[in-house]
Amino acid sequence: MIAVHIKWVANPFRGDKFAAGWAPAAEAVLDFGATEWAFYRALDGRLDFLQIALFPSKAHFERYWYSDRIAEIRAELLGTYQVPLLPAFFEVTGSGREAEPVEHAPEPEPSPAPVAPS
C-alpha cells in the first residue's frame, strides 16, 4: 500500500474555484483502485491544498493521474493552481483511526420490587 501526497497551491483569488473544480477529481481516485482519499484546504491563507490517497501500488496512481478524465480536469483548471505538481509517494508502515462511538439504546428502567402484603 502506498500513500500519495500532492501539494497544490492555488493562485491568488482562485482558491474557491480550484477547490470546487478539483474536489470531484480528488474523489475519483476511488474509481482507480484507491481505498481512501482526502482533500484538505489550509485554514491560514486558504491557498494551500493537500490531496492524499491510498493506492495498492504506484501503477494504480499513474492510471488515475494520466487518465483522460483527470488530465482534462487539470487542463480545465489551468490558471487556478501553480505548477509544477510533484506527487510524493510513501510506503504505509502503519496507520490507525479512532473508532466511531456506537450509540446504544438506553437501559430500561428497573421494575420496582413487589411489595409484600401486610
N, C-alpha and C. Protein backbone atom coordinates (compact mmCIF):
# COMPACT_ATOMS: atom_id res chain seq x y z
N MET A 1 0.86 -1.18 0.00
CA MET A 1 0.00 0.00 0.00
C MET A 1 0.89 1.23 0.00
N ILE A 2 0.55 2.20 -0.84
CA ILE A 2 1.29 3.45 -0.87
C ILE A 2 0.34 4.62 -0.63
N ALA A 3 0.88 5.64 0.01
CA ALA A 3 0.16 6.89 0.19
C ALA A 3 0.77 7.90 -0.77
N VAL A 4 -0.09 8.60 -1.46
CA VAL A 4 0.35 9.63 -2.39
C VAL A 4 -0.10 10.98 -1.85
N HIS A 5 0.85 11.91 -1.75
CA HIS A 5 0.55 13.27 -1.31
C HIS A 5 0.84 14.22 -2.46
N ILE A 6 -0.11 15.08 -2.75
CA ILE A 6 0.10 16.10 -3.77
C ILE A 6 -0.21 17.45 -3.12
N LYS A 7 0.80 18.31 -3.08
CA LYS A 7 0.61 19.66 -2.54
C LYS A 7 0.23 20.58 -3.69
N TRP A 8 -0.93 21.17 -3.55
CA TRP A 8 -1.44 22.11 -4.54
C TRP A 8 -1.37 23.51 -3.94
N VAL A 9 -1.01 24.50 -4.75
CA VAL A 9 -1.05 25.89 -4.33
C VAL A 9 -1.93 26.63 -5.34
N ALA A 10 -3.03 27.16 -4.85
CA ALA A 10 -3.94 27.90 -5.73
C ALA A 10 -3.39 29.30 -5.96
N ASN A 11 -3.66 29.83 -7.12
CA ASN A 11 -3.28 31.20 -7.42
C ASN A 11 -4.17 32.16 -6.64
N PRO A 12 -3.66 33.35 -6.31
CA PRO A 12 -4.47 34.31 -5.55
C PRO A 12 -5.84 34.55 -6.20
N PHE A 13 -6.84 34.60 -5.35
CA PHE A 13 -8.24 34.82 -5.74
C PHE A 13 -8.83 33.66 -6.56
N ARG A 14 -8.15 32.52 -6.59
CA ARG A 14 -8.63 31.37 -7.35
C ARG A 14 -8.88 30.15 -6.46
N GLY A 15 -8.70 30.30 -5.15
CA GLY A 15 -8.82 29.17 -4.24
C GLY A 15 -10.18 28.50 -4.26
N ASP A 16 -11.24 29.29 -4.24
CA ASP A 16 -12.59 28.71 -4.23
C ASP A 16 -12.89 27.98 -5.53
N LYS A 17 -12.49 28.58 -6.65
CA LYS A 17 -12.72 27.93 -7.95
C LYS A 17 -11.94 26.63 -8.05
N PHE A 18 -10.69 26.65 -7.58
CA PHE A 18 -9.88 25.43 -7.62
C PHE A 18 -10.49 24.36 -6.73
N ALA A 19 -10.87 24.73 -5.51
CA ALA A 19 -11.44 23.75 -4.56
C ALA A 19 -12.69 23.09 -5.14
N ALA A 20 -13.57 23.89 -5.70
CA ALA A 20 -14.82 23.34 -6.26
C ALA A 20 -14.53 22.47 -7.48
N GLY A 21 -13.58 22.88 -8.30
CA GLY A 21 -13.28 22.13 -9.52
C GLY A 21 -12.50 20.86 -9.30
N TRP A 22 -11.61 20.85 -8.30
CA TRP A 22 -10.75 19.68 -8.12
C TRP A 22 -11.36 18.65 -7.17
N ALA A 23 -12.27 19.02 -6.29
CA ALA A 23 -12.83 18.07 -5.32
C ALA A 23 -13.37 16.80 -6.00
N PRO A 24 -14.14 16.89 -7.09
CA PRO A 24 -14.61 15.66 -7.74
C PRO A 24 -13.45 14.82 -8.30
N ALA A 25 -12.39 15.47 -8.77
CA ALA A 25 -11.24 14.73 -9.28
C ALA A 25 -10.48 14.04 -8.15
N ALA A 26 -10.42 14.69 -6.99
CA ALA A 26 -9.77 14.08 -5.83
C ALA A 26 -10.54 12.83 -5.40
N GLU A 27 -11.85 12.91 -5.41
CA GLU A 27 -12.67 11.76 -5.03
C GLU A 27 -12.60 10.64 -6.07
N ALA A 28 -12.32 10.99 -7.30
CA ALA A 28 -12.28 9.99 -8.38
C ALA A 28 -11.19 8.95 -8.20
N VAL A 29 -10.26 9.15 -7.28
CA VAL A 29 -9.23 8.12 -7.05
C VAL A 29 -9.87 6.77 -6.73
N LEU A 30 -11.06 6.81 -6.13
CA LEU A 30 -11.74 5.56 -5.77
C LEU A 30 -12.08 4.74 -7.01
N ASP A 31 -12.27 5.41 -8.13
CA ASP A 31 -12.57 4.71 -9.39
C ASP A 31 -11.34 4.04 -9.99
N PHE A 32 -10.16 4.34 -9.44
CA PHE A 32 -8.91 3.80 -9.96
C PHE A 32 -8.19 2.92 -8.95
N GLY A 33 -8.92 2.42 -7.96
CA GLY A 33 -8.36 1.45 -7.03
C GLY A 33 -7.92 1.97 -5.69
N ALA A 34 -8.01 3.28 -5.45
CA ALA A 34 -7.64 3.81 -4.14
C ALA A 34 -8.65 3.34 -3.09
N THR A 35 -8.19 3.17 -1.88
CA THR A 35 -9.07 2.74 -0.79
C THR A 35 -9.47 3.90 0.12
N GLU A 36 -8.71 4.98 0.09
CA GLU A 36 -9.03 6.16 0.89
C GLU A 36 -8.58 7.39 0.14
N TRP A 37 -9.23 8.51 0.44
CA TRP A 37 -8.81 9.78 -0.14
C TRP A 37 -9.16 10.90 0.82
N ALA A 38 -8.45 12.01 0.67
CA ALA A 38 -8.75 13.23 1.43
C ALA A 38 -8.26 14.42 0.61
N PHE A 39 -8.93 15.53 0.77
CA PHE A 39 -8.57 16.77 0.08
C PHE A 39 -8.70 17.87 1.12
N TYR A 40 -7.58 18.40 1.57
CA TYR A 40 -7.55 19.37 2.65
C TYR A 40 -7.24 20.77 2.12
N ARG A 41 -7.81 21.77 2.80
CA ARG A 41 -7.52 23.17 2.48
C ARG A 41 -6.98 23.85 3.73
N ALA A 42 -5.90 24.59 3.57
CA ALA A 42 -5.29 25.28 4.71
C ALA A 42 -6.25 26.33 5.28
N LEU A 43 -6.27 26.41 6.59
CA LEU A 43 -7.10 27.42 7.25
C LEU A 43 -6.49 28.81 7.10
N ASP A 44 -5.16 28.89 7.21
CA ASP A 44 -4.47 30.18 7.07
C ASP A 44 -4.13 30.40 5.61
N GLY A 45 -4.58 31.49 5.07
CA GLY A 45 -4.26 31.83 3.70
C GLY A 45 -5.22 31.26 2.68
N ARG A 46 -5.72 30.05 2.91
CA ARG A 46 -6.73 29.40 2.08
C ARG A 46 -6.29 29.07 0.66
N LEU A 47 -4.96 29.16 0.37
CA LEU A 47 -4.48 28.86 -0.98
C LEU A 47 -3.73 27.54 -1.06
N ASP A 48 -3.37 26.96 0.08
CA ASP A 48 -2.64 25.69 0.09
C ASP A 48 -3.62 24.54 0.27
N PHE A 49 -3.43 23.51 -0.56
CA PHE A 49 -4.27 22.31 -0.52
C PHE A 49 -3.37 21.09 -0.45
N LEU A 50 -3.87 20.04 0.16
CA LEU A 50 -3.15 18.77 0.22
C LEU A 50 -4.12 17.67 -0.17
N GLN A 51 -3.74 16.93 -1.19
CA GLN A 51 -4.52 15.78 -1.65
C GLN A 51 -3.78 14.53 -1.22
N ILE A 52 -4.48 13.61 -0.57
CA ILE A 52 -3.88 12.36 -0.10
C ILE A 52 -4.76 11.21 -0.56
N ALA A 53 -4.13 10.15 -1.03
CA ALA A 53 -4.88 8.95 -1.42
C ALA A 53 -4.03 7.72 -1.11
N LEU A 54 -4.70 6.64 -0.79
CA LEU A 54 -4.03 5.35 -0.56
C LEU A 54 -4.34 4.43 -1.72
N PHE A 55 -3.29 3.97 -2.39
CA PHE A 55 -3.41 3.09 -3.55
C PHE A 55 -2.69 1.77 -3.27
N PRO A 56 -3.12 0.69 -3.92
CA PRO A 56 -2.39 -0.57 -3.77
C PRO A 56 -0.97 -0.49 -4.34
N SER A 57 -0.76 0.35 -5.38
CA SER A 57 0.56 0.44 -6.00
C SER A 57 0.70 1.79 -6.71
N LYS A 58 1.93 2.13 -7.06
CA LYS A 58 2.18 3.36 -7.81
C LYS A 58 1.52 3.29 -9.19
N ALA A 59 1.45 2.08 -9.76
CA ALA A 59 0.80 1.91 -11.07
C ALA A 59 -0.67 2.31 -11.01
N HIS A 60 -1.35 2.01 -9.91
CA HIS A 60 -2.75 2.42 -9.76
C HIS A 60 -2.86 3.94 -9.78
N PHE A 61 -1.95 4.60 -9.06
CA PHE A 61 -1.96 6.06 -9.06
C PHE A 61 -1.72 6.59 -10.47
N GLU A 62 -0.77 6.04 -11.19
CA GLU A 62 -0.45 6.53 -12.53
C GLU A 62 -1.63 6.37 -13.49
N ARG A 63 -2.40 5.29 -13.35
CA ARG A 63 -3.60 5.13 -14.17
C ARG A 63 -4.60 6.25 -13.88
N TYR A 64 -4.70 6.62 -12.60
CA TYR A 64 -5.56 7.74 -12.22
C TYR A 64 -5.01 9.06 -12.78
N TRP A 65 -3.77 9.38 -12.49
CA TRP A 65 -3.18 10.68 -12.79
C TRP A 65 -3.12 10.96 -14.29
N TYR A 66 -2.82 9.93 -15.07
CA TYR A 66 -2.66 10.11 -16.51
C TYR A 66 -3.92 9.75 -17.30
N SER A 67 -5.02 9.46 -16.63
CA SER A 67 -6.26 9.14 -17.33
C SER A 67 -6.76 10.38 -18.07
N ASP A 68 -7.49 10.16 -19.14
CA ASP A 68 -8.04 11.28 -19.91
C ASP A 68 -8.93 12.16 -19.03
N ARG A 69 -9.72 11.52 -18.20
CA ARG A 69 -10.67 12.25 -17.34
C ARG A 69 -9.96 13.24 -16.41
N ILE A 70 -8.91 12.78 -15.73
CA ILE A 70 -8.20 13.63 -14.77
C ILE A 70 -7.34 14.66 -15.50
N ALA A 71 -6.74 14.26 -16.62
CA ALA A 71 -5.94 15.21 -17.41
C ALA A 71 -6.82 16.36 -17.91
N GLU A 72 -8.04 16.05 -18.31
CA GLU A 72 -8.96 17.10 -18.78
C GLU A 72 -9.33 18.07 -17.66
N ILE A 73 -9.55 17.54 -16.47
CA ILE A 73 -9.90 18.42 -15.35
C ILE A 73 -8.71 19.31 -15.01
N ARG A 74 -7.50 18.73 -14.99
CA ARG A 74 -6.31 19.57 -14.74
C ARG A 74 -6.21 20.68 -15.78
N ALA A 75 -6.47 20.35 -17.04
CA ALA A 75 -6.39 21.35 -18.12
C ALA A 75 -7.46 22.43 -17.95
N GLU A 76 -8.67 22.03 -17.57
CA GLU A 76 -9.75 23.00 -17.37
C GLU A 76 -9.43 23.97 -16.24
N LEU A 77 -8.68 23.50 -15.24
CA LEU A 77 -8.37 24.33 -14.07
C LEU A 77 -7.05 25.08 -14.20
N LEU A 78 -6.36 24.94 -15.33
CA LEU A 78 -5.11 25.69 -15.51
C LEU A 78 -5.37 27.17 -15.24
N GLY A 79 -4.45 27.78 -14.55
CA GLY A 79 -4.61 29.18 -14.17
C GLY A 79 -5.16 29.34 -12.77
N THR A 80 -5.71 28.26 -12.19
CA THR A 80 -6.20 28.34 -10.81
C THR A 80 -5.18 27.78 -9.83
N TYR A 81 -4.18 27.05 -10.31
CA TYR A 81 -3.17 26.46 -9.43
C TYR A 81 -1.78 26.65 -10.04
N GLN A 82 -0.77 26.53 -9.16
CA GLN A 82 0.61 26.71 -9.60
C GLN A 82 1.23 25.38 -9.99
N VAL A 83 2.13 25.44 -10.96
CA VAL A 83 2.86 24.26 -11.41
C VAL A 83 4.35 24.49 -11.14
N PRO A 84 5.18 23.49 -11.00
CA PRO A 84 4.90 22.09 -11.27
C PRO A 84 4.21 21.41 -10.08
N LEU A 85 3.56 20.30 -10.39
CA LEU A 85 2.96 19.44 -9.37
C LEU A 85 3.87 18.24 -9.21
N LEU A 86 4.26 17.96 -7.98
CA LEU A 86 5.18 16.85 -7.73
C LEU A 86 4.57 15.89 -6.71
N PRO A 87 3.88 14.86 -7.18
CA PRO A 87 3.35 13.87 -6.23
C PRO A 87 4.49 13.23 -5.45
N ALA A 88 4.26 12.99 -4.16
CA ALA A 88 5.23 12.32 -3.30
C ALA A 88 4.62 10.99 -2.88
N PHE A 89 5.45 9.95 -2.89
CA PHE A 89 4.98 8.60 -2.61
C PHE A 89 5.58 8.10 -1.30
N PHE A 90 4.74 7.49 -0.48
CA PHE A 90 5.16 6.99 0.82
C PHE A 90 4.68 5.55 0.98
N GLU A 91 5.54 4.72 1.54
CA GLU A 91 5.13 3.37 1.92
C GLU A 91 4.36 3.50 3.23
N VAL A 92 3.20 2.89 3.31
CA VAL A 92 2.41 2.92 4.54
C VAL A 92 2.98 1.87 5.47
N THR A 93 3.55 2.31 6.58
CA THR A 93 4.14 1.38 7.55
C THR A 93 3.28 1.25 8.80
N GLY A 94 2.23 2.02 8.87
CA GLY A 94 1.29 1.94 9.99
C GLY A 94 0.23 3.01 9.82
N SER A 95 -0.93 2.75 10.36
CA SER A 95 -2.00 3.75 10.35
C SER A 95 -3.02 3.36 11.41
N GLY A 96 -3.90 4.25 11.70
CA GLY A 96 -4.93 3.97 12.69
C GLY A 96 -6.01 5.01 12.62
N ARG A 97 -7.05 4.73 13.31
CA ARG A 97 -8.19 5.64 13.33
C ARG A 97 -8.99 5.35 14.58
N GLU A 98 -9.46 6.40 15.19
CA GLU A 98 -10.31 6.23 16.36
C GLU A 98 -11.65 5.68 15.89
N ALA A 99 -12.13 4.68 16.59
CA ALA A 99 -13.42 4.08 16.23
C ALA A 99 -14.54 5.08 16.49
N GLU A 100 -15.52 5.06 15.63
CA GLU A 100 -16.70 5.91 15.83
C GLU A 100 -17.46 5.39 17.05
N PRO A 101 -17.93 6.29 17.91
CA PRO A 101 -18.71 5.82 19.06
C PRO A 101 -20.02 5.20 18.59
N VAL A 102 -20.38 4.13 19.23
CA VAL A 102 -21.62 3.43 18.90
C VAL A 102 -22.70 3.89 19.87
N GLU A 103 -23.82 4.29 19.31
CA GLU A 103 -24.93 4.71 20.17
C GLU A 103 -25.69 3.47 20.62
N HIS A 104 -25.91 3.39 21.90
CA HIS A 104 -26.66 2.27 22.47
C HIS A 104 -28.02 2.75 22.92
N ALA A 105 -29.00 1.87 22.84
CA ALA A 105 -30.33 2.20 23.36
C ALA A 105 -30.22 2.34 24.87
N PRO A 106 -30.95 3.26 25.45
CA PRO A 106 -30.88 3.42 26.91
C PRO A 106 -31.33 2.15 27.62
N GLU A 107 -30.71 1.92 28.73
CA GLU A 107 -31.08 0.75 29.55
C GLU A 107 -32.51 0.95 30.06
N PRO A 108 -33.32 -0.11 30.05
CA PRO A 108 -34.68 0.05 30.58
C PRO A 108 -34.63 0.29 32.09
N GLU A 109 -35.61 1.06 32.56
CA GLU A 109 -35.70 1.33 34.00
C GLU A 109 -36.02 0.02 34.71
N PRO A 110 -35.35 -0.24 35.84
CA PRO A 110 -35.68 -1.47 36.56
C PRO A 110 -37.11 -1.39 37.14
N SER A 111 -37.77 -2.52 37.14
CA SER A 111 -39.12 -2.58 37.68
C SER A 111 -39.03 -2.45 39.20
N PRO A 112 -40.01 -1.77 39.80
CA PRO A 112 -39.97 -1.68 41.26
C PRO A 112 -40.19 -3.07 41.87
N ALA A 113 -39.54 -3.27 42.99
CA ALA A 113 -39.67 -4.56 43.69
C ALA A 113 -41.12 -4.73 44.17
N PRO A 114 -41.65 -5.95 44.05
CA PRO A 114 -43.03 -6.14 44.54
C PRO A 114 -43.13 -5.88 46.05
N VAL A 115 -44.24 -5.32 46.44
CA VAL A 115 -44.47 -5.01 47.85
C VAL A 115 -45.21 -6.20 48.48
N ALA A 116 -44.67 -6.66 49.59
CA ALA A 116 -45.31 -7.80 50.27
C ALA A 116 -46.58 -7.35 50.96
N PRO A 117 -47.67 -8.20 50.88
CA PRO A 117 -48.92 -7.82 51.55
C PRO A 117 -48.72 -7.81 53.06
N SER A 118 -49.36 -6.88 53.75
CA SER A 118 -49.22 -6.81 55.19
C SER A 118 -50.29 -7.53 55.93
